[in-house]
Every structure is written in C-alpha cells, then in structure tokens.
Amino acid sequence: MHTTAQLYLVGFDQNLPVLALGRFGNSVNRCLQRRLINSVGLLKEGDTAAKAFSEERGYPPTFSWAVSVGERSGDLASSLSKVGSSLSRRVELSLNRAIEFVFPVSMIVLGVAAALFAFSVQSFLRNLMDMLESAI
C-alpha cells in the first residue's frame, strides 16, 4: 500500500507552497495551502492519504474517494489523474453555462446602449436643425 507520506519523504513538503500558491498567492490558494499542510501533517503521523484528505474539510468527496481507491489499488497517480480530469470537465461545464448566460445579457445591454446613443445623436441633430432653421 502506497501513501502520500512517501511523497512527503522525497520532498513533497518542499514543493507544497509552490503547488498551493501557484502564480497568484491569493487568499483561496492560501486556504488550500493550509489544508495541504494539515493533510501532510496527518500523513507524517502515519495515516493513509485517504484518511488525511477525508478528515480535512474542503476537499471534494470525489477527491478523497479517488485517493482511497488509488491507495488500495496501488495506482494513486492514475486515480488522481482521473479525478483531476473529472473536476476539470466540471469547471469547464460551469464556465460554459456562465458564458451561455452572460453572452445574451451582454448583447441586450449593448443593444440598449446603442439605442440610447442613436436616440441622443438624433436628438442632437434635431436641435441643431431647429437652431439652423430659426437662424435663417
């Protein structure tokens, strides 16, 4: 049975801040970093990765399940790859839904803005014509 504790022993903890913070270092990533550090702490105590990740709040249930399955089968990397692909598809679908909602709304807003602009130009031209007619 393989655990993520072995990753810790070969230097996983040294890469942890880089993995958790990524490029941006925002508060969400700091929260993730704390969760990972807590999970690694449980792994140091000899717990399995599945137990460490299931006890720490914030990980999706499918993640903990995939870690458990991967540990039991001895193929943790493949299991995590599959759950990563699944979560990526979920995020992509959520983004597509948001875009499907935002695009029509933005078209309506742009249409209203164009109509207001056309109305203001027409009003300006009408006032200009009235001033020219009264001057003649």
N, C-alpha and C. Protein backbone atom coordinates (compact mmCIF):
# COMPACT_ATOMS: atom_id res chain seq x y z
N MET A 1 0.86 -1.18 0.00
CA MET A 1 0.00 0.00 0.00
C MET A 1 0.90 1.24 0.00
N HIS A 2 0.66 2.14 -0.92
CA HIS A 2 1.43 3.37 -1.02
C HIS A 2 0.63 4.52 -0.42
N THR A 3 1.32 5.39 0.27
CA THR A 3 0.65 6.57 0.81
C THR A 3 1.37 7.81 0.32
N THR A 4 0.71 8.94 0.47
CA THR A 4 1.31 10.20 0.08
C THR A 4 2.41 10.58 1.06
N ALA A 5 2.51 9.87 2.19
CA ALA A 5 3.60 10.11 3.13
C ALA A 5 4.94 9.87 2.45
N GLN A 6 4.96 8.92 1.53
CA GLN A 6 6.19 8.67 0.78
C GLN A 6 6.56 9.88 -0.08
N LEU A 7 5.55 10.57 -0.64
CA LEU A 7 5.82 11.79 -1.38
C LEU A 7 6.42 12.84 -0.46
N TYR A 8 5.91 12.89 0.75
CA TYR A 8 6.43 13.84 1.72
C TYR A 8 7.91 13.56 2.00
N LEU A 9 8.23 12.29 2.15
CA LEU A 9 9.60 11.93 2.48
C LEU A 9 10.58 12.26 1.36
N VAL A 10 10.10 12.30 0.11
CA VAL A 10 11.01 12.60 -1.01
C VAL A 10 10.97 14.07 -1.40
N GLY A 11 10.39 14.91 -0.57
CA GLY A 11 10.46 16.34 -0.82
C GLY A 11 9.16 16.99 -1.22
N PHE A 12 8.06 16.31 -1.04
CA PHE A 12 6.76 16.89 -1.39
C PHE A 12 6.52 18.16 -0.59
N ASP A 13 6.97 18.18 0.69
CA ASP A 13 6.73 19.34 1.54
C ASP A 13 7.50 20.56 1.05
N GLN A 14 8.62 20.36 0.37
CA GLN A 14 9.38 21.50 -0.14
C GLN A 14 8.65 22.16 -1.30
N ASN A 15 7.90 21.39 -2.05
CA ASN A 15 7.17 21.93 -3.21
C ASN A 15 5.76 22.36 -2.84
N LEU A 16 5.34 22.09 -1.63
CA LEU A 16 3.97 22.38 -1.22
C LEU A 16 3.58 23.85 -1.37
N PRO A 17 4.38 24.81 -0.91
CA PRO A 17 3.97 26.21 -1.09
C PRO A 17 3.85 26.59 -2.56
N VAL A 18 4.72 26.05 -3.40
CA VAL A 18 4.65 26.35 -4.83
C VAL A 18 3.39 25.75 -5.43
N LEU A 19 3.08 24.51 -5.06
CA LEU A 19 1.88 23.85 -5.59
C LEU A 19 0.62 24.57 -5.12
N ALA A 20 0.60 24.97 -3.86
CA ALA A 20 -0.61 25.56 -3.31
C ALA A 20 -0.80 27.01 -3.72
N LEU A 21 0.28 27.76 -3.77
CA LEU A 21 0.14 29.18 -4.06
C LEU A 21 0.12 29.49 -5.54
N GLY A 22 0.76 28.66 -6.33
CA GLY A 22 0.77 28.90 -7.77
C GLY A 22 1.38 30.25 -8.09
N ARG A 23 0.84 30.91 -9.08
CA ARG A 23 1.37 32.20 -9.52
C ARG A 23 0.80 33.36 -8.75
N PHE A 24 -0.37 33.22 -8.19
CA PHE A 24 -1.10 34.39 -7.72
C PHE A 24 -0.99 34.63 -6.23
N GLY A 25 -0.98 33.60 -5.42
CA GLY A 25 -0.85 33.79 -3.99
C GLY A 25 -2.05 34.44 -3.34
N ASN A 26 -3.25 34.23 -3.87
CA ASN A 26 -4.43 34.86 -3.29
C ASN A 26 -4.92 34.08 -2.07
N SER A 27 -5.94 34.60 -1.40
CA SER A 27 -6.41 34.01 -0.15
C SER A 27 -6.98 32.60 -0.35
N VAL A 28 -7.59 32.34 -1.50
CA VAL A 28 -8.12 30.99 -1.75
C VAL A 28 -6.98 30.00 -1.80
N ASN A 29 -5.88 30.37 -2.48
CA ASN A 29 -4.73 29.48 -2.55
C ASN A 29 -4.07 29.32 -1.19
N ARG A 30 -4.08 30.36 -0.35
CA ARG A 30 -3.52 30.24 0.99
C ARG A 30 -4.35 29.26 1.82
N CYS A 31 -5.65 29.30 1.64
CA CYS A 31 -6.53 28.36 2.33
C CYS A 31 -6.21 26.94 1.88
N LEU A 32 -6.02 26.75 0.58
CA LEU A 32 -5.66 25.43 0.05
C LEU A 32 -4.32 25.00 0.61
N GLN A 33 -3.39 25.93 0.72
CA GLN A 33 -2.07 25.61 1.25
C GLN A 33 -2.20 25.11 2.69
N ARG A 34 -3.01 25.80 3.51
CA ARG A 34 -3.21 25.36 4.90
C ARG A 34 -3.79 23.95 4.95
N ARG A 35 -4.76 23.69 4.07
CA ARG A 35 -5.36 22.35 4.04
C ARG A 35 -4.33 21.29 3.66
N LEU A 36 -3.51 21.59 2.67
CA LEU A 36 -2.49 20.63 2.26
C LEU A 36 -1.47 20.40 3.37
N ILE A 37 -1.08 21.47 4.06
CA ILE A 37 -0.12 21.33 5.14
C ILE A 37 -0.72 20.49 6.28
N ASN A 38 -2.00 20.72 6.60
CA ASN A 38 -2.66 19.91 7.62
C ASN A 38 -2.72 18.45 7.20
N SER A 39 -3.02 18.21 5.92
CA SER A 39 -3.10 16.83 5.43
C SER A 39 -1.74 16.17 5.49
N VAL A 40 -0.69 16.91 5.10
CA VAL A 40 0.66 16.35 5.16
C VAL A 40 1.05 16.07 6.61
N GLY A 41 0.59 16.91 7.53
CA GLY A 41 0.85 16.66 8.95
C GLY A 41 0.24 15.35 9.40
N LEU A 42 -0.97 15.05 8.95
CA LEU A 42 -1.59 13.77 9.29
C LEU A 42 -0.82 12.62 8.66
N LEU A 43 -0.30 12.84 7.47
CA LEU A 43 0.47 11.78 6.81
C LEU A 43 1.77 11.50 7.56
N LYS A 44 2.37 12.52 8.12
CA LYS A 44 3.59 12.33 8.90
C LYS A 44 3.32 11.43 10.10
N GLU A 45 2.09 11.53 10.63
CA GLU A 45 1.73 10.73 11.79
C GLU A 45 1.44 9.28 11.42
N GLY A 46 1.47 8.95 10.13
CA GLY A 46 1.30 7.56 9.69
C GLY A 46 -0.06 7.22 9.14
N ASP A 47 -0.95 8.20 9.05
CA ASP A 47 -2.26 7.93 8.48
C ASP A 47 -2.15 7.70 6.98
N THR A 48 -3.15 7.05 6.43
CA THR A 48 -3.18 6.90 4.98
C THR A 48 -3.59 8.23 4.37
N ALA A 49 -3.29 8.39 3.10
CA ALA A 49 -3.65 9.63 2.40
C ALA A 49 -5.16 9.79 2.36
N ALA A 50 -5.89 8.71 2.17
CA ALA A 50 -7.35 8.79 2.10
C ALA A 50 -7.92 9.34 3.40
N LYS A 51 -7.40 8.86 4.52
CA LYS A 51 -7.89 9.33 5.81
C LYS A 51 -7.51 10.79 6.02
N ALA A 52 -6.28 11.15 5.64
CA ALA A 52 -5.82 12.53 5.82
C ALA A 52 -6.67 13.50 5.01
N PHE A 53 -6.97 13.15 3.79
CA PHE A 53 -7.74 14.06 2.94
C PHE A 53 -9.22 14.05 3.29
N SER A 54 -9.73 12.94 3.80
CA SER A 54 -11.16 12.92 4.17
C SER A 54 -11.39 13.66 5.48
N GLU A 55 -10.40 13.67 6.38
CA GLU A 55 -10.58 14.38 7.65
C GLU A 55 -10.44 15.89 7.50
N GLU A 56 -9.69 16.33 6.52
CA GLU A 56 -9.50 17.76 6.30
C GLU A 56 -10.65 18.28 5.45
N ARG A 57 -11.37 19.25 5.95
CA ARG A 57 -12.51 19.81 5.20
C ARG A 57 -12.02 20.59 3.99
N GLY A 58 -12.86 20.64 2.99
CA GLY A 58 -12.54 21.47 1.83
C GLY A 58 -12.20 20.69 0.58
N TYR A 59 -11.85 19.43 0.73
CA TYR A 59 -11.59 18.62 -0.46
C TYR A 59 -12.92 18.04 -0.94
N PRO A 60 -13.13 17.96 -2.25
CA PRO A 60 -14.36 17.35 -2.73
C PRO A 60 -14.40 15.87 -2.34
N PRO A 61 -15.60 15.34 -2.09
CA PRO A 61 -15.70 13.91 -1.71
C PRO A 61 -15.09 12.99 -2.77
N THR A 62 -15.22 13.36 -4.03
CA THR A 62 -14.65 12.50 -5.07
C THR A 62 -13.13 12.43 -4.96
N PHE A 63 -12.51 13.51 -4.48
CA PHE A 63 -11.06 13.51 -4.32
C PHE A 63 -10.65 12.50 -3.26
N SER A 64 -11.31 12.55 -2.10
CA SER A 64 -11.00 11.60 -1.03
C SER A 64 -11.26 10.17 -1.47
N TRP A 65 -12.35 9.98 -2.20
CA TRP A 65 -12.68 8.65 -2.71
C TRP A 65 -11.61 8.16 -3.68
N ALA A 66 -11.16 9.02 -4.58
CA ALA A 66 -10.14 8.64 -5.57
C ALA A 66 -8.82 8.30 -4.88
N VAL A 67 -8.47 9.06 -3.85
CA VAL A 67 -7.24 8.76 -3.11
C VAL A 67 -7.36 7.39 -2.45
N SER A 68 -8.51 7.12 -1.87
CA SER A 68 -8.73 5.83 -1.22
C SER A 68 -8.62 4.68 -2.22
N VAL A 69 -9.28 4.83 -3.37
CA VAL A 69 -9.24 3.79 -4.41
C VAL A 69 -7.81 3.62 -4.93
N GLY A 70 -7.12 4.73 -5.15
CA GLY A 70 -5.76 4.68 -5.65
C GLY A 70 -4.81 4.00 -4.68
N GLU A 71 -4.99 4.26 -3.40
CA GLU A 71 -4.14 3.61 -2.41
C GLU A 71 -4.39 2.11 -2.36
N ARG A 72 -5.66 1.73 -2.40
CA ARG A 72 -5.98 0.30 -2.33
C ARG A 72 -5.50 -0.44 -3.57
N SER A 73 -5.59 0.21 -4.73
CA SER A 73 -5.18 -0.46 -5.96
C SER A 73 -3.68 -0.35 -6.21
N GLY A 74 -3.02 0.56 -5.50
CA GLY A 74 -1.59 0.75 -5.71
C GLY A 74 -1.28 1.67 -6.88
N ASP A 75 -2.31 2.32 -7.43
CA ASP A 75 -2.11 3.21 -8.58
C ASP A 75 -2.71 4.58 -8.27
N LEU A 76 -2.12 5.25 -7.30
CA LEU A 76 -2.64 6.53 -6.84
C LEU A 76 -2.56 7.60 -7.93
N ALA A 77 -1.48 7.59 -8.70
CA ALA A 77 -1.31 8.62 -9.74
C ALA A 77 -2.42 8.54 -10.78
N SER A 78 -2.74 7.35 -11.23
CA SER A 78 -3.80 7.19 -12.23
C SER A 78 -5.15 7.61 -11.67
N SER A 79 -5.40 7.24 -10.43
CA SER A 79 -6.67 7.60 -9.80
C SER A 79 -6.82 9.11 -9.67
N LEU A 80 -5.75 9.78 -9.24
CA LEU A 80 -5.80 11.23 -9.10
C LEU A 80 -5.90 11.91 -10.46
N SER A 81 -5.28 11.33 -11.47
CA SER A 81 -5.38 11.88 -12.82
C SER A 81 -6.82 11.85 -13.31
N LYS A 82 -7.49 10.74 -13.04
CA LYS A 82 -8.89 10.62 -13.47
C LYS A 82 -9.79 11.62 -12.74
N VAL A 83 -9.60 11.76 -11.43
CA VAL A 83 -10.44 12.70 -10.70
C VAL A 83 -10.10 14.13 -11.11
N GLY A 84 -8.85 14.40 -11.43
CA GLY A 84 -8.47 15.71 -11.92
C GLY A 84 -9.14 16.04 -13.24
N SER A 85 -9.19 15.06 -14.14
CA SER A 85 -9.87 15.26 -15.41
C SER A 85 -11.36 15.50 -15.21
N SER A 86 -11.94 14.75 -14.28
CA SER A 86 -13.36 14.91 -13.99
C SER A 86 -13.66 16.30 -13.44
N LEU A 87 -12.83 16.76 -12.50
CA LEU A 87 -13.04 18.09 -11.93
C LEU A 87 -12.81 19.18 -12.97
N SER A 88 -11.85 18.97 -13.87
CA SER A 88 -11.61 19.94 -14.95
C SER A 88 -12.82 20.04 -15.86
N ARG A 89 -13.44 18.89 -16.18
CA ARG A 89 -14.64 18.91 -17.01
C ARG A 89 -15.78 19.65 -16.30
N ARG A 90 -15.91 19.44 -14.99
CA ARG A 90 -16.95 20.15 -14.23
C ARG A 90 -16.75 21.65 -14.29
N VAL A 91 -15.51 22.08 -14.10
CA VAL A 91 -15.21 23.51 -14.15
C VAL A 91 -15.50 24.06 -15.53
N GLU A 92 -15.10 23.33 -16.56
CA GLU A 92 -15.34 23.77 -17.93
C GLU A 92 -16.84 23.88 -18.22
N LEU A 93 -17.62 22.91 -17.77
CA LEU A 93 -19.07 22.97 -17.97
C LEU A 93 -19.68 24.15 -17.22
N SER A 94 -19.20 24.41 -16.01
CA SER A 94 -19.72 25.55 -15.25
C SER A 94 -19.39 26.86 -15.95
N LEU A 95 -18.17 26.96 -16.48
CA LEU A 95 -17.80 28.17 -17.22
C LEU A 95 -18.64 28.33 -18.48
N ASN A 96 -18.88 27.23 -19.18
CA ASN A 96 -19.71 27.30 -20.39
C ASN A 96 -21.13 27.76 -20.06
N ARG A 97 -21.67 27.27 -18.94
CA ARG A 97 -23.01 27.71 -18.53
C ARG A 97 -23.02 29.19 -18.21
N ALA A 98 -21.98 29.65 -17.53
CA ALA A 98 -21.90 31.07 -17.21
C ALA A 98 -21.80 31.91 -18.47
N ILE A 99 -21.01 31.46 -19.42
CA ILE A 99 -20.87 32.19 -20.69
C ILE A 99 -22.19 32.19 -21.45
N GLU A 100 -22.90 31.06 -21.44
CA GLU A 100 -24.19 30.98 -22.11
C GLU A 100 -25.19 31.96 -21.50
N PHE A 101 -25.04 32.27 -20.23
CA PHE A 101 -25.93 33.23 -19.59
C PHE A 101 -25.45 34.67 -19.83
N VAL A 102 -24.16 34.89 -19.69
CA VAL A 102 -23.62 36.25 -19.78
C VAL A 102 -23.70 36.80 -21.20
N PHE A 103 -23.47 35.99 -22.20
CA PHE A 103 -23.45 36.49 -23.58
C PHE A 103 -24.78 37.13 -23.99
N PRO A 104 -25.93 36.46 -23.83
CA PRO A 104 -27.19 37.11 -24.21
C PRO A 104 -27.47 38.39 -23.40
N VAL A 105 -27.15 38.35 -22.11
CA VAL A 105 -27.38 39.53 -21.28
C VAL A 105 -26.51 40.69 -21.77
N SER A 106 -25.26 40.40 -22.10
CA SER A 106 -24.39 41.47 -22.58
C SER A 106 -24.87 42.00 -23.93
N MET A 107 -25.42 41.16 -24.78
CA MET A 107 -25.96 41.62 -26.06
C MET A 107 -27.15 42.55 -25.84
N ILE A 108 -27.99 42.23 -24.87
CA ILE A 108 -29.14 43.10 -24.56
C ILE A 108 -28.65 44.45 -24.05
N VAL A 109 -27.67 44.43 -23.15
CA VAL A 109 -27.12 45.67 -22.61
C VAL A 109 -26.50 46.50 -23.73
N LEU A 110 -25.73 45.87 -24.61
CA LEU A 110 -25.12 46.59 -25.73
C LEU A 110 -26.20 47.14 -26.67
N GLY A 111 -27.26 46.40 -26.89
CA GLY A 111 -28.36 46.88 -27.73
C GLY A 111 -29.02 48.11 -27.14
N VAL A 112 -29.27 48.08 -25.84
CA VAL A 112 -29.87 49.23 -25.17
C VAL A 112 -28.93 50.43 -25.24
N ALA A 113 -27.64 50.21 -25.04
CA ALA A 113 -26.67 51.30 -25.12
C ALA A 113 -26.61 51.89 -26.53
N ALA A 114 -26.66 51.04 -27.54
CA ALA A 114 -26.65 51.52 -28.92
C ALA A 114 -27.92 52.32 -29.22
N ALA A 115 -29.06 51.87 -28.72
CA ALA A 115 -30.31 52.59 -28.94
C ALA A 115 -30.28 53.96 -28.25
N LEU A 116 -29.76 54.02 -27.03
CA LEU A 116 -29.63 55.30 -26.34
C LEU A 116 -28.68 56.24 -27.07
N PHE A 117 -27.60 55.70 -27.59
CA PHE A 117 -26.65 56.52 -28.35
C PHE A 117 -27.32 57.07 -29.61
N ALA A 118 -28.04 56.20 -30.34
CA ALA A 118 -28.72 56.63 -31.56
C ALA A 118 -29.77 57.71 -31.23
N PHE A 119 -30.51 57.51 -30.14
CA PHE A 119 -31.51 58.49 -29.75
C PHE A 119 -30.87 59.83 -29.41
N SER A 120 -29.73 59.81 -28.69
CA SER A 120 -29.08 61.07 -28.31
C SER A 120 -28.51 61.78 -29.54
N VAL A 121 -27.98 61.04 -30.52
CA VAL A 121 -27.48 61.65 -31.76
C VAL A 121 -28.64 62.26 -32.53
N GLN A 122 -29.74 61.53 -32.62
CA GLN A 122 -30.91 62.05 -33.33
C GLN A 122 -31.43 63.31 -32.65
N SER A 123 -31.49 63.31 -31.33
CA SER A 123 -31.95 64.48 -30.59
C SER A 123 -31.02 65.68 -30.82
N PHE A 124 -29.71 65.43 -30.81
CA PHE A 124 -28.75 66.50 -31.06
C PHE A 124 -28.92 67.07 -32.47
N LEU A 125 -29.07 66.18 -33.45
CA LEU A 125 -29.23 66.64 -34.84
C LEU A 125 -30.54 67.42 -35.01
N ARG A 126 -31.60 66.97 -34.36
CA ARG A 126 -32.87 67.67 -34.45
C ARG A 126 -32.76 69.07 -33.85
N ASN A 127 -32.11 69.18 -32.69
CA ASN A 127 -31.90 70.50 -32.07
C ASN A 127 -31.04 71.39 -32.96
N LEU A 128 -30.01 70.82 -33.58
CA LEU A 128 -29.16 71.57 -34.48
C LEU A 128 -29.93 72.09 -35.69
N MET A 129 -30.80 71.26 -36.25
CA MET A 129 -31.63 71.65 -37.40
C MET A 129 -32.59 72.77 -37.00
N ASP A 130 -33.19 72.65 -35.81
CA ASP A 130 -34.11 73.69 -35.32
C ASP A 130 -33.37 75.01 -35.14
N MET A 131 -32.16 74.97 -34.63
CA MET A 131 -31.38 76.21 -34.46
C MET A 131 -31.02 76.81 -35.80
N LEU A 132 -30.66 75.98 -36.79
CA LEU A 132 -30.33 76.49 -38.11
C LEU A 132 -31.54 77.10 -38.81
N GLU A 133 -32.71 76.47 -38.66
CA GLU A 133 -33.93 76.99 -39.28
C GLU A 133 -34.33 78.32 -38.65
N SER A 134 -34.16 78.42 -37.34
CA SER A 134 -34.55 79.67 -36.68
C SER A 134 -33.56 80.80 -37.00
N ALA A 135 -32.33 80.46 -37.32
CA ALA A 135 -31.34 81.47 -37.69
C ALA A 135 -31.54 81.98 -39.08
N ILE A 136 -32.19 81.21 -39.92
CA ILE A 136 -32.39 81.63 -41.32
C ILE A 136 -33.59 82.46 -41.44
